[in-house]
Structure formats: structure tokens, C-alpha cells
């Protein structure tokens, strides 16, 4: 089956579409206008068993970008995504025995929900926990849909976090890889917001992961994982194989990265197939590895007190000198100068 036909498969729930339609309805915009050209009717949204395709989700979100009159539309819509709106996926988050298992579940099964944007990596630093987000509805940060999808996803993350940890849950920083909106909205998400960043990052304080949350039920969680696995197998890789490789590299941290042959075995494909598919996406295994190392190096320098030697070891370099040379190639600065700026 081709990627385009995968994206047309009606396998996702209607929750995100309903959230967008209901939010715009509050502003006097007719549901029919929001659903235009999507092949979805209002009756479809009222049918519990209804399923929609990822392509239909994208159409509705593009309509919303065009029709919205309130700069906070995406944030308001995302805030409607309570934990209960995620069905079995939400129950998996709720029943996770530990925070680490919740993160693993969220990253592994995110495609089950047909996300418009979602976390693809998680790093726990010395001062903050950092989620790296990717946008799946468009690859262009200059496309207005890019910021709309990311605002929706960040707001949904905030809502689910409060469902799990209580109303005091919040972010310490949000980073967007896209330009700022015409009207600033730092207050909408309750934390400082930075635009034109190298990537999309959501930062939370470290004490949240250490607090009791949800309703830990190991046996129930295992059952949910078992139920989600066949569903996941039918889902398209919305983010492309390159993103899957990138996430896998981060998951193998610290200290060791798999070879391209080991990565191919992990993904159950021949190394030639892996190289060919990455090439079709305009990248290669070495390019992805460099980007992962560069991103993690910058995070460690900004968010931790690790020495250059410790960072070099964690990133798989044989000595600190090799790491310093690599970092200078990436940024034009040595690590210590970058940390002081």
C-alpha cells in the first residue's frame, strides 16, 4: 500500500476534528464551513463509531486556519482534548505504572491517534525535562498550518498533563521552529515562548515526572499495549522513516548509537532498503546521526552542567577533542563559548 493510500485510510477517531469544529462554532463559524471538502458531515461527528483519514484531518485543520478569527483558536481547540478524548491511548497513559513507562507508551503509540503534531523524543536533563515535537501535517515552518498544529498539540499536552498531575501542571518554556504570529500570545500557554528556534521543544520542570499521577495498573497497562499493537501496525508513518530512525537513535542514548546495519535489523528491513528509503526522503543515516548528536549536544550545553568530556562520552565520541572539533563544524563555536553566550 502506498503512503498516499495509507493517509486516505479511515482509521482515526473524530476527536480532534470535533474539537476544532466546536471551537470555531463558538465564534459563529458554521460547522459545514469547517468541514468543507473533507467528505465529513456533522452526522459523522455525532457517530461514536465513525472513523476518518489523516488526509481528512489535514483538510479540516487547513479550513480552520483559513476561517479562524481568534489568534487563540488552535490553543482553545487543543485545550478540549481531555485525557478521555484519547480512548484506549488515553487509558494507556492513565494506567502506566511509572512516568518512564508513560513516556515510552506515548512515543511508541502516538500514531494511533493520527496526531497533527506530537513528541518524538524525550530527554531528562538536570534542570528540565524536554520533549522534542514534530509537525506531521506540513513540513514547512512558514505554512500557517504548521504553527496552528503545534499550538493545538502543545495545548492538548497541557490539558492531558493537568488531567494526570493536577491543575498546577505547566510548562517552563515552549520553542517553535516557525516565525512568531502577528499577535504575541505568551499568556495563552502560561510560559515563555520562543520562535524561529532550531526545533520544536516543550520544557517542563523536573518535579512533575517524580510526582504520583494517573491510576497505575501494570496488568491493565500491559493489556492496553497489547490491544494497541495491532492498531499501530495498520497506521502509516506520518513522520516518514527518517523521523522513525531519529527517534530510535535518541532512544538508544546514552553512549551508544547503532550502526546502519543494526538499525536496519531493528526496523526489520535490509540495509540497502533503509538507505534507499532515507535517500528518497532527502537524507541519509549519517546525516540523521549528525543532527541527533548536534541537537543533544546543544540541549546538554544549555540545560545541564555536564562537562565537555561527559557530553563527548554520552554522544559516543572517543575523546573530548573529537567532540569539540565536531561541535565547531556544526555551530562555528567551541562548546564552552556556546554555553556562555
Protein backbone atom coordinates (compact mmCIF):
# COMPACT_ATOMS: atom_id res chain seq x y z
CA UNK A 1 0.00 0.00 0.00
CA UNK A 2 1.36 3.46 -0.89
CA UNK A 3 1.81 6.30 1.57
CA UNK A 4 -0.94 8.33 -0.13
CA UNK A 5 -3.45 5.48 0.18
CA UNK A 6 -2.39 4.99 3.81
CA UNK A 7 -3.23 8.63 4.52
CA UNK A 8 -6.66 8.15 2.93
CA UNK A 9 -7.49 5.12 5.13
CA UNK A 10 -10.30 5.88 7.58
CA UNK A 11 -8.74 4.55 10.76
CA UNK A 12 -8.71 7.51 13.17
CA UNK A 13 -11.28 8.81 15.62
CA UNK A 14 -13.02 12.16 15.14
CA UNK A 15 -11.97 13.78 18.42
CA UNK A 16 -9.54 16.35 17.01
CA UNK A 17 -11.93 17.35 14.26
CA UNK A 18 -14.76 17.75 16.76
CA UNK A 19 -12.55 19.92 18.97
CA UNK A 20 -11.78 22.25 16.06
CA UNK A 21 -15.38 22.35 14.80
CA UNK A 22 -16.79 23.08 18.27
CA UNK A 23 -14.23 25.81 18.94
CA UNK A 24 -14.97 27.63 15.69
CA UNK A 25 -18.72 27.21 16.28
CA UNK A 26 -18.27 29.27 19.47
CA UNK A 27 -17.01 32.06 17.21
CA UNK A 28 -20.05 31.83 14.94
CA UNK A 29 -18.44 29.81 12.15
CA UNK A 30 -20.73 27.12 10.75
CA UNK A 31 -19.55 23.50 11.09
CA UNK A 32 -20.30 22.95 7.40
CA UNK A 33 -17.69 25.58 6.51
CA UNK A 34 -15.07 23.95 8.72
CA UNK A 35 -15.82 20.52 7.22
CA UNK A 36 -15.90 21.76 3.61
CA UNK A 37 -14.23 19.45 1.06
CA UNK A 38 -13.33 16.92 3.75
CA UNK A 39 -16.06 14.38 3.00
CA UNK A 40 -17.13 14.56 6.67
CA UNK A 41 -20.64 15.56 7.73
CA UNK A 42 -21.91 16.81 11.07
CA UNK A 43 -23.70 13.48 11.44
CA UNK A 44 -20.34 11.73 11.13
CA UNK A 45 -19.04 13.65 14.14
CA UNK A 46 -22.07 12.53 16.16
CA UNK A 47 -21.47 8.85 15.35
CA UNK A 48 -19.34 7.18 18.03
CA UNK A 49 -18.00 4.51 15.68
CA UNK A 50 -17.07 6.98 12.92
CA UNK A 51 -13.53 6.89 11.54
CA UNK A 52 -11.74 9.47 9.43
CA UNK A 53 -8.50 9.51 7.46
CA UNK A 54 -5.41 11.54 8.23
CA UNK A 55 -5.94 13.39 4.95
CA UNK A 56 -9.41 14.44 6.16
CA UNK A 57 -7.93 15.69 9.44
CA UNK A 58 -5.46 17.81 7.47
CA UNK A 59 -8.26 19.26 5.30
CA UNK A 60 -10.30 20.30 8.34
CA UNK A 61 -7.27 21.87 10.03
CA UNK A 62 -6.46 23.83 6.86
CA UNK A 63 -10.04 25.07 6.76
CA UNK A 64 -9.70 26.14 10.39
CA UNK A 65 -6.55 28.14 9.65
CA UNK A 66 -8.39 29.95 6.85
CA UNK A 67 -11.58 30.60 8.83
CA UNK A 68 -10.25 31.41 12.31
CA UNK A 69 -10.68 34.98 13.52
CA UNK A 70 -9.22 34.47 17.01
CA UNK A 71 -5.41 34.05 17.29
CA UNK A 72 -6.07 31.62 20.15
CA UNK A 73 -8.28 29.26 18.12
CA UNK A 74 -5.76 26.40 17.98
CA UNK A 75 -4.93 26.70 21.68
CA UNK A 76 -8.62 26.72 22.61
CA UNK A 77 -9.28 23.68 20.42
CA UNK A 78 -6.32 21.76 21.81
CA UNK A 79 -7.48 22.50 25.35
CA UNK A 80 -10.62 20.47 24.61
CA UNK A 81 -8.53 17.31 24.25
CA UNK A 82 -9.03 15.85 27.71
CA UNK A 83 -7.46 12.52 28.57
CA UNK A 84 -10.80 10.80 27.99
CA UNK A 85 -10.83 12.03 24.37
CA UNK A 86 -7.93 9.71 23.55
CA UNK A 87 -9.82 6.46 24.09
CA UNK A 88 -7.58 3.42 24.55
CA UNK A 89 -4.47 5.57 24.09
CA UNK A 90 -5.57 7.80 26.96
CA UNK A 91 -6.24 4.76 29.12
CA UNK A 92 -2.71 3.56 28.38
CA UNK A 93 -1.31 6.87 29.62
CA UNK A 94 -3.51 6.79 32.72
CA UNK A 95 -2.61 3.22 33.70
CA UNK A 96 1.16 3.47 33.11
CA UNK A 97 2.97 2.08 36.20
CA UNK A 98 5.74 4.71 36.06
CA UNK A 99 6.46 8.03 34.37
CA UNK A 100 9.18 6.39 32.26
CA UNK A 101 6.70 3.79 31.00
CA UNK A 102 4.18 6.54 30.27
CA UNK A 103 6.74 8.35 28.11
CA UNK A 104 7.65 5.13 26.31
CA UNK A 105 3.97 4.41 25.66
CA UNK A 106 3.28 7.96 24.43
CA UNK A 107 6.20 7.93 21.99
CA UNK A 108 5.63 4.41 20.70
CA UNK A 109 1.87 4.58 20.12
CA UNK A 110 1.41 8.25 19.15
CA UNK A 111 0.43 7.32 15.57
CA UNK A 112 -2.67 5.55 16.90
CA UNK A 113 -4.31 8.96 17.38
CA UNK A 114 -3.40 10.40 13.97
CA UNK A 115 -1.59 13.36 15.54
CA UNK A 116 -1.19 16.67 13.76
CA UNK A 117 1.97 17.18 15.85
CA UNK A 118 3.43 15.05 18.63
CA UNK A 119 6.54 14.41 20.72
CA UNK A 120 9.11 12.20 19.01
CA UNK A 121 11.84 12.28 21.67
CA UNK A 122 12.23 12.92 25.39
CA UNK A 123 15.35 13.93 27.31
CA UNK A 124 15.54 14.38 31.08
CA UNK A 125 18.21 16.96 31.87
CA UNK A 126 19.49 18.18 35.22
CA UNK A 127 17.08 21.12 35.33
CA UNK A 128 14.23 20.39 32.94
CA UNK A 129 12.54 17.60 31.02
CA UNK A 130 12.48 18.29 27.27
CA UNK A 131 10.04 16.90 24.70
CA UNK A 132 11.02 17.34 21.05
CA UNK A 133 7.95 17.77 18.84
CA UNK A 134 7.47 17.21 15.13
CA UNK A 135 4.64 18.55 12.97
CA UNK A 136 3.08 15.96 10.65
CA UNK A 137 0.51 17.97 8.67
CA UNK A 138 3.15 20.03 6.84
CA UNK A 139 6.93 20.12 6.73
CA UNK A 140 7.10 23.86 6.05
CA UNK A 141 7.51 26.07 9.16
CA UNK A 142 6.35 29.05 7.06
CA UNK A 143 3.00 27.37 6.35
CA UNK A 144 0.40 28.84 8.79
CA UNK A 145 -0.86 25.29 9.34
CA UNK A 146 2.49 24.42 10.94
CA UNK A 147 2.06 26.81 13.86
CA UNK A 148 -1.67 26.05 14.17
CA UNK A 149 -0.97 22.31 14.52
CA UNK A 150 1.81 22.89 17.04
CA UNK A 151 -0.33 25.25 19.13
CA UNK A 152 -3.09 22.63 19.14
CA UNK A 153 -0.67 19.88 20.21
CA UNK A 154 1.00 21.96 22.93
CA UNK A 155 -2.39 22.95 24.37
CA UNK A 156 -3.53 19.31 24.30
CA UNK A 157 -0.34 18.27 26.12
CA UNK A 158 -1.06 20.88 28.79
CA UNK A 159 -4.63 19.62 29.24
CA UNK A 160 -3.59 15.97 29.48
CA UNK A 161 -0.78 16.91 31.88
CA UNK A 162 -3.30 18.59 34.17
CA UNK A 163 -5.60 15.57 33.97
CA UNK A 164 -2.68 13.39 35.08
CA UNK A 165 -0.83 15.63 37.53
CA UNK A 166 -3.39 18.20 38.66
CA UNK A 167 -4.24 21.79 37.77
CA UNK A 168 -0.82 23.05 38.84
CA UNK A 169 0.90 21.28 35.94
CA UNK A 170 2.51 23.63 33.45
CA UNK A 171 5.38 24.28 31.06
CA UNK A 172 8.55 26.26 31.72
CA UNK A 173 9.30 27.04 28.05
CA UNK A 174 7.92 26.38 24.58
CA UNK A 175 10.01 26.54 21.42
CA UNK A 176 8.61 26.88 17.88
CA UNK A 177 10.63 26.31 14.70
CA UNK A 178 8.27 28.71 12.89
CA UNK A 179 8.06 32.53 12.85
CA UNK A 180 6.03 34.35 15.53
CA UNK A 181 2.37 35.21 14.97
CA UNK A 182 1.28 38.77 14.27
CA UNK A 183 -0.12 38.97 17.81
CA UNK A 184 2.03 37.55 20.65
CA UNK A 185 0.30 35.09 22.95
CA UNK A 186 2.76 34.12 25.68
CA UNK A 187 -0.02 34.22 28.26
CA UNK A 188 -2.18 31.67 26.43
CA UNK A 189 0.10 28.76 27.26
CA UNK A 190 1.28 30.09 30.61
CA UNK A 191 5.03 30.21 29.94
CA UNK A 192 7.70 31.98 27.88
CA UNK A 193 7.51 31.21 24.15
CA UNK A 194 10.40 31.38 21.67
CA UNK A 195 10.02 31.40 17.89
CA UNK A 196 12.41 30.77 14.99
CA UNK A 197 14.11 28.04 17.02
CA UNK A 198 16.20 25.15 15.59
CA UNK A 199 13.40 22.76 16.61
CA UNK A 200 10.11 22.48 18.47
CA UNK A 201 10.66 21.90 22.18
CA UNK A 202 8.36 21.66 25.19
CA UNK A 203 10.07 22.07 28.57
CA UNK A 204 8.61 21.05 31.94
CA UNK A 205 10.05 21.27 35.45
CA UNK A 206 11.69 18.08 36.70
CA UNK A 207 9.45 17.66 39.72
CA UNK A 208 6.38 16.76 37.63
CA UNK A 209 7.66 13.38 36.41
CA UNK A 210 8.53 12.45 40.00
CA UNK A 211 5.01 13.02 41.36
CA UNK A 212 2.38 10.27 41.64
CA UNK A 213 -0.06 10.58 38.76
CA UNK A 214 -2.81 8.77 36.94
CA UNK A 215 -4.04 5.39 38.14
CA UNK A 216 -1.08 2.97 37.85
CA UNK A 217 -2.29 -0.51 36.92
CA UNK A 218 0.52 -2.68 35.48
CA UNK A 219 -1.73 -5.50 34.29
CA UNK A 220 -4.21 -3.10 32.68
CA UNK A 221 -1.39 -1.17 31.04
CA UNK A 222 0.06 -4.37 29.59
CA UNK A 223 -3.37 -5.27 28.20
CA UNK A 224 -3.75 -1.81 26.61
CA UNK A 225 -0.31 -2.12 24.98
CA UNK A 226 -1.30 -5.50 23.58
CA UNK A 227 -4.51 -4.01 22.15
CA UNK A 228 -2.70 -1.00 20.65
CA UNK A 229 -0.03 -3.05 18.89
CA UNK A 230 -2.17 -4.39 16.01
CA UNK A 231 -3.75 -0.95 15.61
CA UNK A 232 -0.29 0.61 15.38
CA UNK A 233 0.69 -1.89 12.70
CA UNK A 234 -2.05 -0.51 10.42
CA UNK A 235 -1.02 3.11 10.89
CA UNK A 236 1.05 5.00 8.30
CA UNK A 237 4.38 6.53 9.31
CA UNK A 238 3.09 10.09 9.19
CA UNK A 239 6.50 11.47 10.01
CA UNK A 240 8.45 9.42 7.48
CA UNK A 241 11.12 6.79 8.03
CA UNK A 242 13.74 9.45 8.78
CA UNK A 243 11.83 10.51 11.88
CA UNK A 244 11.47 6.89 12.99
CA UNK A 245 15.24 6.47 12.68
CA UNK A 246 15.82 9.72 14.56
CA UNK A 247 13.56 8.66 17.43
CA UNK A 248 15.25 5.26 17.60
CA UNK A 249 18.68 6.87 17.81
CA UNK A 250 17.55 9.04 20.72
CA UNK A 251 16.03 6.02 22.45
CA UNK A 252 19.43 4.24 22.24
CA UNK A 253 21.05 7.07 24.17
CA UNK A 254 23.22 7.42 26.12
CA UNK A 255 26.68 6.38 24.96
CA UNK A 256 25.92 4.15 22.02
CA UNK A 257 24.41 4.52 18.57
CA UNK A 258 23.55 1.54 16.37
CA UNK A 259 25.26 1.07 13.02
CA UNK A 260 23.14 1.37 9.90
CA UNK A 261 23.09 -2.44 9.72
CA UNK A 262 21.88 -2.71 13.32
CA UNK A 263 19.26 -0.02 12.67
CA UNK A 264 18.02 -1.93 9.62
CA UNK A 265 17.69 -5.12 11.69
CA UNK A 266 15.79 -3.17 14.35
CA UNK A 267 13.38 -1.90 11.67
CA UNK A 268 13.13 -5.35 10.07
CA UNK A 269 14.47 -4.31 6.67
CA UNK A 270 17.61 -4.78 4.58
CA UNK A 271 20.29 -2.06 4.97
CA UNK A 272 20.00 -1.26 1.25
CA UNK A 273 16.27 -0.71 1.67
CA UNK A 274 16.85 1.57 4.64
CA UNK A 275 19.42 3.62 2.72
CA UNK A 276 17.18 3.84 -0.37
CA UNK A 277 14.12 4.97 1.60
CA UNK A 278 16.09 7.57 3.53
CA UNK A 279 17.55 8.84 0.26
CA UNK A 280 14.00 9.19 -1.12
CA UNK A 281 13.27 11.48 1.85
CA UNK A 282 16.31 13.60 1.02
CA UNK A 283 18.57 12.41 3.82
CA UNK A 284 20.86 9.58 4.91
CA UNK A 285 21.69 7.66 8.06
CA UNK A 286 24.89 9.64 8.72
CA UNK A 287 23.01 12.93 8.24
CA UNK A 288 20.38 11.91 10.79
CA UNK A 289 23.05 10.77 13.25
CA UNK A 290 24.84 14.12 12.95
CA UNK A 291 21.58 16.01 13.52
CA UNK A 292 20.75 13.93 16.59
CA UNK A 293 24.21 14.42 18.07
CA UNK A 294 24.14 18.15 17.35
CA UNK A 295 20.67 18.58 18.88
CA UNK A 296 21.56 16.61 22.01
CA UNK A 297 24.88 18.44 22.39
CA UNK A 298 23.09 21.79 22.31
CA UNK A 299 20.49 20.59 24.82
CA UNK A 300 23.15 19.29 27.20
CA UNK A 301 25.13 22.54 27.00
CA UNK A 302 22.04 24.68 27.56
CA UNK A 303 20.18 22.60 30.12
CA UNK A 304 22.79 20.65 32.12
CA UNK A 305 26.05 21.23 33.95
CA UNK A 306 27.78 18.27 32.29
CA UNK A 307 31.40 18.89 31.32
CA UNK A 308 32.58 18.77 27.72
CA UNK A 309 34.20 15.41 28.45
CA UNK A 310 30.95 13.99 29.85
CA UNK A 311 28.96 15.21 26.85
CA UNK A 312 31.53 13.75 24.46
CA UNK A 313 31.26 10.37 26.17
CA UNK A 314 27.48 10.46 26.17
CA UNK A 315 27.42 11.25 22.45
CA UNK A 316 29.72 8.35 21.63
CA UNK A 317 32.94 10.27 20.87
CA UNK A 318 36.25 8.61 21.70
CA UNK A 319 37.58 11.79 23.32
CA UNK A 320 36.58 15.38 24.04
CA UNK A 321 38.83 16.75 21.30
CA UNK A 322 36.87 14.95 18.58
CA UNK A 323 33.62 16.27 20.04
CA UNK A 324 34.95 19.85 20.17
CA UNK A 325 36.01 19.68 16.52
CA UNK A 326 32.59 18.29 15.53
CA UNK A 327 30.72 20.94 17.53
CA UNK A 328 32.78 23.69 15.89
CA UNK A 329 31.84 22.32 12.44
CA UNK A 330 28.16 22.38 13.41
CA UNK A 331 27.96 25.81 15.04
CA UNK A 332 31.17 27.73 14.31
CA UNK A 333 31.83 27.89 18.07
CA UNK A 334 33.51 25.70 20.64
CA UNK A 335 31.25 24.14 23.32
CA UNK A 336 32.31 26.43 26.17
CA UNK A 337 31.76 29.61 24.14
CA UNK A 338 28.34 28.33 23.10
CA UNK A 339 27.42 27.64 26.74
CA UNK A 340 28.46 31.14 27.86
CA UNK A 341 26.59 33.07 25.19
